[in-house]
Amino acid sequence: MKQKFDIIESTCVPLPIDNVDTDQIIPARFLKATSRDEKFFGDNLFCDWRYDAQGQIRPAFVLNDPRYGGCILVAGENFGSGSSREHAAWAIAGYGFRVVIATSFADIHRQNELNNFVLPVTVSGEFLRELHASIAADPATRVRVDLPAQTVTNLATGRSEHFPINDYKKYCLMNALDDIDYLLAQKDKIEAFEHGRKQS
């Protein structure tokens, strides 16, 4: 979903698990789907953790716990490893998450998140541990993610960290542009460049 990013402040869903791979994010059987419907993939995010073999809700899983909500997923280390399936990013976006916080991301999955207007925020292990502790102590803990300043703040403690992001992707997120939108916005410049080449 194309939405402009600026400052996002939200409660969080904690998932303090390392090496969450894309098959856990969206099981392989859903790759056969012919739909790009966001709700379809969002409804099946972490499907095998959310539901048992009979399709019944697993109350202990965090997405089924009414204490937690919001548009920020707080994960662990090496989030999005495994298969490069873009469907994993579709599912995260389709569920309604706009930010994923982790200590590291698989490179392809990070790019897939950015391409689907989900912001991957990389923080230190110390910051992440403190954030998980804050959420465990109070599920109403809020986090502020400031994309222009590239900072993430745990509002329960006031602690902030700077996070990296590619300048081009930052521009695209802040202006709700995908790669095609960006190229179309540069149409006049591209045509002028091509005209100049022909003249020379």
C-alpha atoms as a PDB file:
ATOM      1  CA  MET A   1       0.000   0.000   0.000  1.00  0.00           C
ATOM      2  CA  LYS A   2       1.472   3.333  -1.051  1.00  0.00           C
ATOM      3  CA  GLN A   3       1.460   5.654   1.946  1.00  0.00           C
ATOM      4  CA  LYS A   4       3.761   8.569   2.567  1.00  0.00           C
ATOM      5  CA  PHE A   5       6.129   8.089   5.472  1.00  0.00           C
ATOM      6  CA  ASP A   6       7.023  10.843   7.879  1.00  0.00           C
ATOM      7  CA  ILE A   7       6.790  10.172  11.617  1.00  0.00           C
ATOM      8  CA  ILE A   8       5.003   7.066  12.843  1.00  0.00           C
ATOM      9  CA  GLU A   9       4.110   6.614  16.501  1.00  0.00           C
ATOM     10  CA  SER A  10       2.471   3.367  17.572  1.00  0.00           C
ATOM     11  CA  THR A  11       2.216   0.549  20.045  1.00  0.00           C
ATOM     12  CA  CYS A  12       4.067  -2.607  19.007  1.00  0.00           C
ATOM     13  CA  VAL A  13       3.698  -6.305  18.414  1.00  0.00           C
ATOM     14  CA  PRO A  14       6.690  -8.141  19.954  1.00  0.00           C
ATOM     15  CA  LEU A  15       8.189 -11.157  18.213  1.00  0.00           C
ATOM     16  CA  PRO A  16      11.487 -11.765  20.070  1.00  0.00           C
ATOM     17  CA  ILE A  17      12.570 -14.638  17.826  1.00  0.00           C
ATOM     18  CA  ASP A  18      15.796 -14.758  15.801  1.00  0.00           C
ATOM     19  CA  ASN A  19      16.073 -16.120  12.248  1.00  0.00           C
ATOM     20  CA  VAL A  20      12.392 -15.783  11.368  1.00  0.00           C
ATOM     21  CA  ASP A  21      12.413 -16.956   7.759  1.00  0.00           C
ATOM     22  CA  THR A  22      10.056 -16.180   4.922  1.00  0.00           C
ATOM     23  CA  ASP A  23       8.407 -19.610   5.120  1.00  0.00           C
ATOM     24  CA  GLN A  24       7.372 -18.784   8.670  1.00  0.00           C
ATOM     25  CA  ILE A  25       6.205 -15.340   7.587  1.00  0.00           C
ATOM     26  CA  ILE A  26       4.074 -16.778   4.765  1.00  0.00           C
ATOM     27  CA  PRO A  27       4.121 -20.582   4.227  1.00  0.00           C
ATOM     28  CA  ALA A  28       5.063 -21.851   0.769  1.00  0.00           C
ATOM     29  CA  ARG A  29       1.556 -23.147  -0.007  1.00  0.00           C
ATOM     30  CA  PHE A  30       0.324 -19.559  -0.310  1.00  0.00           C
ATOM     31  CA  LEU A  31       2.771 -18.830  -3.120  1.00  0.00           C
ATOM     32  CA  LYS A  32       0.356 -20.597  -5.477  1.00  0.00           C
ATOM     33  CA  ALA A  33      -2.209 -17.848  -4.947  1.00  0.00           C
ATOM     34  CA  THR A  34      -3.151 -15.880  -8.032  1.00  0.00           C
ATOM     35  CA  SER A  35      -4.212 -12.888  -5.942  1.00  0.00           C
ATOM     36  CA  ARG A  36      -2.183  -9.871  -4.861  1.00  0.00           C
ATOM     37  CA  ASP A  37      -4.973  -8.960  -2.464  1.00  0.00           C
ATOM     38  CA  GLU A  38      -3.361  -7.456   0.629  1.00  0.00           C
ATOM     39  CA  LYS A  39      -6.028  -8.804   2.965  1.00  0.00           C
ATOM     40  CA  PHE A  40      -5.513 -12.370   1.709  1.00  0.00           C
ATOM     41  CA  PHE A  41      -1.803 -12.325   2.490  1.00  0.00           C
ATOM     42  CA  GLY A  42      -2.253 -10.313   5.691  1.00  0.00           C
ATOM     43  CA  ASP A  43      -4.802 -12.828   6.963  1.00  0.00           C
ATOM     44  CA  ASN A  44      -2.219 -15.569   6.451  1.00  0.00           C
ATOM     45  CA  LEU A  45       0.784 -13.805   7.968  1.00  0.00           C
ATOM     46  CA  PHE A  46       2.541 -16.281  10.312  1.00  0.00           C
ATOM     47  CA  CYS A  47      -0.299 -18.680   9.480  1.00  0.00           C
ATOM     48  CA  ASP A  48       1.239 -21.817  10.982  1.00  0.00           C
ATOM     49  CA  TRP A  49       1.976 -19.961  14.213  1.00  0.00           C
ATOM     50  CA  ARG A  50      -1.419 -18.249  14.397  1.00  0.00           C
ATOM     51  CA  TYR A  51      -3.534 -21.346  13.703  1.00  0.00           C
ATOM     52  CA  ASP A  52      -3.325 -25.061  14.452  1.00  0.00           C
ATOM     53  CA  ALA A  53      -3.782 -27.859  11.897  1.00  0.00           C
ATOM     54  CA  GLN A  54      -7.566 -27.596  12.282  1.00  0.00           C
ATOM     55  CA  GLY A  55      -7.513 -23.858  11.599  1.00  0.00           C
ATOM     56  CA  GLN A  56      -8.207 -22.950  15.209  1.00  0.00           C
ATOM     57  CA  ILE A  57      -6.570 -19.876  16.725  1.00  0.00           C
ATOM     58  CA  ARG A  58      -3.532 -20.474  18.928  1.00  0.00           C
ATOM     59  CA  PRO A  59      -4.252 -18.064  21.818  1.00  0.00           C
ATOM     60  CA  ALA A  60      -0.622 -18.006  22.949  1.00  0.00           C
ATOM     61  CA  PHE A  61       0.689 -16.510  19.696  1.00  0.00           C
ATOM     62  CA  VAL A  62       1.265 -12.788  19.903  1.00  0.00           C
ATOM     63  CA  LEU A  63      -0.933 -11.817  16.917  1.00  0.00           C
ATOM     64  CA  ASN A  64      -3.830 -13.494  18.724  1.00  0.00           C
ATOM     65  CA  ASP A  65      -3.125 -11.716  22.022  1.00  0.00           C
ATOM     66  CA  PRO A  66      -5.450  -8.710  22.424  1.00  0.00           C
ATOM     67  CA  ARG A  67      -2.902  -6.939  24.606  1.00  0.00           C
ATOM     68  CA  TYR A  68      -0.701  -6.230  21.588  1.00  0.00           C
ATOM     69  CA  GLY A  69      -1.397  -4.225  18.482  1.00  0.00           C
ATOM     70  CA  GLY A  70      -0.232  -1.339  16.360  1.00  0.00           C
ATOM     71  CA  CYS A  71       1.650  -0.983  13.098  1.00  0.00           C
ATOM     72  CA  ILE A  72       5.176  -1.754  14.375  1.00  0.00           C
ATOM     73  CA  LEU A  73       6.522  -5.314  14.548  1.00  0.00           C
ATOM     74  CA  VAL A  74       9.499  -5.704  16.898  1.00  0.00           C
ATOM     75  CA  ALA A  75      11.415  -8.802  15.861  1.00  0.00           C
ATOM     76  CA  GLY A  76      14.871 -10.262  16.579  1.00  0.00           C
ATOM     77  CA  GLU A  77      17.986 -10.948  14.518  1.00  0.00           C
ATOM     78  CA  ASN A  78      18.230 -11.951  10.832  1.00  0.00           C
ATOM     79  CA  PHE A  79      14.578 -11.280  10.069  1.00  0.00           C
ATOM     80  CA  GLY A  80      13.320 -12.503   6.685  1.00  0.00           C
ATOM     81  CA  SER A  81      16.002 -15.098   6.007  1.00  0.00           C
ATOM     82  CA  GLY A  82      15.489 -18.042   3.666  1.00  0.00           C
ATOM     83  CA  SER A  83      13.596 -17.887   0.379  1.00  0.00           C
ATOM     84  CA  SER A  84      13.528 -14.517  -1.370  1.00  0.00           C
ATOM     85  CA  ARG A  85       9.726 -14.626  -1.884  1.00  0.00           C
ATOM     86  CA  GLU A  86       8.182 -11.182  -2.128  1.00  0.00           C
ATOM     87  CA  HIS A  87       4.976 -12.664  -0.721  1.00  0.00           C
ATOM     88  CA  ALA A  88       6.498 -12.334   2.770  1.00  0.00           C
ATOM     89  CA  ALA A  89       6.624  -8.563   2.420  1.00  0.00           C
ATOM     90  CA  TRP A  90       3.101  -8.588   0.935  1.00  0.00           C
ATOM     91  CA  ALA A  91       1.877 -10.416   4.046  1.00  0.00           C
ATOM     92  CA  ILE A  92       3.579  -8.009   6.454  1.00  0.00           C
ATOM     93  CA  ALA A  93       2.163  -4.995   4.615  1.00  0.00           C
ATOM     94  CA  GLY A  94      -1.231  -6.668   4.191  1.00  0.00           C
ATOM     95  CA  TYR A  95      -1.538  -7.259   7.922  1.00  0.00           C
ATOM     96  CA  GLY A  96      -1.022  -3.555   8.506  1.00  0.00           C
ATOM     97  CA  PHE A  97       2.568  -3.354   9.705  1.00  0.00           C
ATOM     98  CA  ARG A  98       4.377  -0.268   8.466  1.00  0.00           C
ATOM     99  CA  VAL A  99       7.625  -0.768  10.365  1.00  0.00           C
ATOM    100  CA  VAL A 100       9.673  -3.824  11.337  1.00  0.00           C
ATOM    101  CA  ILE A 101      12.406  -3.336  13.937  1.00  0.00           C
ATOM    102  CA  ALA A 102      15.229  -5.895  14.158  1.00  0.00           C
ATOM    103  CA  THR A 103      18.968  -6.083  14.700  1.00  0.00           C
ATOM    104  CA  SER A 104      19.450  -7.338  11.134  1.00  0.00           C
ATOM    105  CA  PHE A 105      17.502  -8.301   8.028  1.00  0.00           C
ATOM    106  CA  ALA A 106      18.155 -10.662   5.161  1.00  0.00           C
ATOM    107  CA  ASP A 107      19.214  -8.361   2.305  1.00  0.00           C
ATOM    108  CA  ILE A 108      16.582  -9.428  -0.228  1.00  0.00           C
ATOM    109  CA  HIS A 109      13.787  -9.336   2.325  1.00  0.00           C
ATOM    110  CA  ARG A 110      14.838  -5.840   3.424  1.00  0.00           C
ATOM    111  CA  GLN A 111      14.560  -4.694  -0.181  1.00  0.00           C
ATOM    112  CA  ASN A 112      11.198  -6.412  -0.597  1.00  0.00           C
ATOM    113  CA  GLU A 113       9.873  -4.625   2.481  1.00  0.00           C
ATOM    114  CA  LEU A 114      11.019  -1.266   1.150  1.00  0.00           C
ATOM    115  CA  ASN A 115       9.442  -2.007  -2.232  1.00  0.00           C
ATOM    116  CA  ASN A 116       6.153  -2.689  -0.438  1.00  0.00           C
ATOM    117  CA  PHE A 117       6.247   0.461   1.721  1.00  0.00           C
ATOM    118  CA  VAL A 118       7.272  -1.302   4.922  1.00  0.00           C
ATOM    119  CA  LEU A 119      10.206   0.358   6.682  1.00  0.00           C
ATOM    120  CA  PRO A 120      12.884  -2.030   8.022  1.00  0.00           C
ATOM    121  CA  VAL A 121      14.612  -0.381  10.989  1.00  0.00           C
ATOM    122  CA  THR A 122      17.939  -1.830  12.101  1.00  0.00           C
ATOM    123  CA  VAL A 123      18.916  -1.209  15.735  1.00  0.00           C
ATOM    124  CA  SER A 124      21.568  -2.429  18.157  1.00  0.00           C
ATOM    125  CA  GLY A 125      21.054  -5.540  20.244  1.00  0.00           C
ATOM    126  CA  GLU A 126      21.053  -3.424  23.397  1.00  0.00           C
ATOM    127  CA  PHE A 127      18.316  -1.131  22.080  1.00  0.00           C
ATOM    128  CA  LEU A 128      16.215  -4.080  20.919  1.00  0.00           C
ATOM    129  CA  ARG A 129      16.515  -5.893  24.258  1.00  0.00           C
ATOM    130  CA  GLU A 130      15.459  -2.758  26.116  1.00  0.00           C
ATOM    131  CA  LEU A 131      12.528  -2.263  23.752  1.00  0.00           C
ATOM    132  CA  HIS A 132      11.331  -5.846  24.207  1.00  0.00           C
ATOM    133  CA  ALA A 133      11.648  -5.411  27.982  1.00  0.00           C
ATOM    134  CA  SER A 134       9.566  -2.224  27.846  1.00  0.00           C
ATOM    135  CA  ILE A 135       6.832  -3.929  25.815  1.00  0.00           C
ATOM    136  CA  ALA A 136       6.825  -6.950  28.150  1.00  0.00           C
ATOM    137  CA  ALA A 137       6.433  -4.639  31.149  1.00  0.00           C
ATOM    138  CA  ASP A 138       3.722  -2.578  29.469  1.00  0.00           C
ATOM    139  CA  PRO A 139       2.039  -3.660  26.211  1.00  0.00           C
ATOM    140  CA  ALA A 140       0.904  -0.030  25.767  1.00  0.00           C
ATOM    141  CA  THR A 141       4.533   1.036  25.220  1.00  0.00           C
ATOM    142  CA  ARG A 142       4.781   3.322  22.208  1.00  0.00           C
ATOM    143  CA  VAL A 143       7.597   3.791  19.734  1.00  0.00           C
ATOM    144  CA  ARG A 144       8.240   6.782  17.486  1.00  0.00           C
ATOM    145  CA  VAL A 145       9.899   6.190  14.125  1.00  0.00           C
ATOM    146  CA  ASP A 146      11.051   9.430  12.495  1.00  0.00           C
ATOM    147  CA  LEU A 147      12.014   8.688   8.899  1.00  0.00           C
ATOM    148  CA  PRO A 148      13.224  12.209   7.997  1.00  0.00           C
ATOM    149  CA  ALA A 149      15.602  12.192  10.982  1.00  0.00           C
ATOM    150  CA  GLN A 150      16.212   8.417  10.691  1.00  0.00           C
ATOM    151  CA  THR A 151      15.649   7.892  14.406  1.00  0.00           C
ATOM    152  CA  VAL A 152      13.665   5.370  16.421  1.00  0.00           C
ATOM    153  CA  THR A 153      12.664   6.207  19.994  1.00  0.00           C
ATOM    154  CA  ASN A 154      11.380   4.006  22.799  1.00  0.00           C
ATOM    155  CA  LEU A 155       8.959   6.447  24.415  1.00  0.00           C
ATOM    156  CA  ALA A 156       8.888   4.403  27.628  1.00  0.00           C
ATOM    157  CA  THR A 157      12.566   5.153  28.285  1.00  0.00           C
ATOM    158  CA  GLY A 158      13.267   8.096  25.994  1.00  0.00           C
ATOM    159  CA  ARG A 159      16.145   6.231  24.392  1.00  0.00           C
ATOM    160  CA  SER A 160      16.732   6.832  20.676  1.00  0.00           C
ATOM    161  CA  GLU A 161      18.923   5.332  17.983  1.00  0.00           C
ATOM    162  CA  HIS A 162      19.758   6.376  14.452  1.00  0.00           C
ATOM    163  CA  PHE A 163      19.018   3.851  11.714  1.00  0.00           C
ATOM    164  CA  PRO A 164      20.432   3.616   8.182  1.00  0.00           C
ATOM    165  CA  ILE A 165      18.435   3.722   4.961  1.00  0.00           C
ATOM    166  CA  ASN A 166      19.328   4.150   1.316  1.00  0.00           C
ATOM    167  CA  ASP A 167      18.756   7.792   0.252  1.00  0.00           C
ATOM    168  CA  TYR A 168      16.785   6.765  -2.825  1.00  0.00           C
ATOM    169  CA  LYS A 169      14.452   4.476  -0.870  1.00  0.00           C
ATOM    170  CA  LYS A 170      14.028   7.124   1.810  1.00  0.00           C
ATOM    171  CA  TYR A 171      12.934   9.606  -0.851  1.00  0.00           C
ATOM    172  CA  CYS A 172      10.522   7.069  -2.357  1.00  0.00           C
ATOM    173  CA  LEU A 173       8.952   6.231   1.013  1.00  0.00           C
ATOM    174  CA  MET A 174       8.539   9.874   1.986  1.00  0.00           C
ATOM    175  CA  ASN A 175       6.840  10.608  -1.339  1.00  0.00           C
ATOM    176  CA  ALA A 176       4.858   7.332  -1.706  1.00  0.00           C
ATOM    177  CA  LEU A 177       6.673   6.440  -4.922  1.00  0.00           C
ATOM    178  CA  ASP A 178       7.513   2.999  -6.205  1.00  0.00           C
ATOM    179  CA  ASP A 179      10.309   2.544  -8.753  1.00  0.00           C
ATOM    180  CA  ILE A 180       7.973   3.063 -11.723  1.00  0.00           C
ATOM    181  CA  ASP A 181       6.449   6.184 -10.158  1.00  0.00           C
ATOM    182  CA  TYR A 182       9.938   7.575  -9.612  1.00  0.00           C
ATOM    183  CA  LEU A 183      10.957   6.956 -13.226  1.00  0.00           C
ATOM    184  CA  LEU A 184       7.765   8.544 -14.527  1.00  0.00           C
ATOM    185  CA  ALA A 185       8.426  11.601 -12.360  1.00  0.00           C
ATOM    186  CA  GLN A 186      11.815  11.905 -14.080  1.00  0.00           C
ATOM    187  CA  LYS A 187      10.329  11.619 -17.580  1.00  0.00           C
ATOM    188  CA  ASP A 188      11.184  15.181 -18.640  1.00  0.00           C
ATOM    189  CA  LYS A 189      14.781  14.821 -17.457  1.00  0.00           C
ATOM    190  CA  ILE A 190      15.165  11.471 -19.193  1.00  0.00           C
ATOM    191  CA  GLU A 191      13.766  12.843 -22.449  1.00  0.00           C
ATOM    192  CA  ALA A 192      16.042  15.898 -22.231  1.00  0.00           C
ATOM    193  CA  PHE A 193      19.042  13.653 -21.662  1.00  0.00           C
ATOM    194  CA  GLU A 194      18.117  11.460 -24.635  1.00  0.00           C
ATOM    195  CA  HIS A 195      17.565  14.514 -26.815  1.00  0.00           C
ATOM    196  CA  GLY A 196      21.000  15.819 -25.809  1.00  0.00           C
ATOM    197  CA  ARG A 197      22.600  12.510 -26.750  1.00  0.00           C
ATOM    198  CA  LYS A 198      20.982  12.598 -30.164  1.00  0.00           C
ATOM    199  CA  GLN A 199      22.187  16.149 -30.735  1.00  0.00           C
ATOM    200  CA  SER A 200      25.766  15.225 -29.865  1.00  0.00           C
END
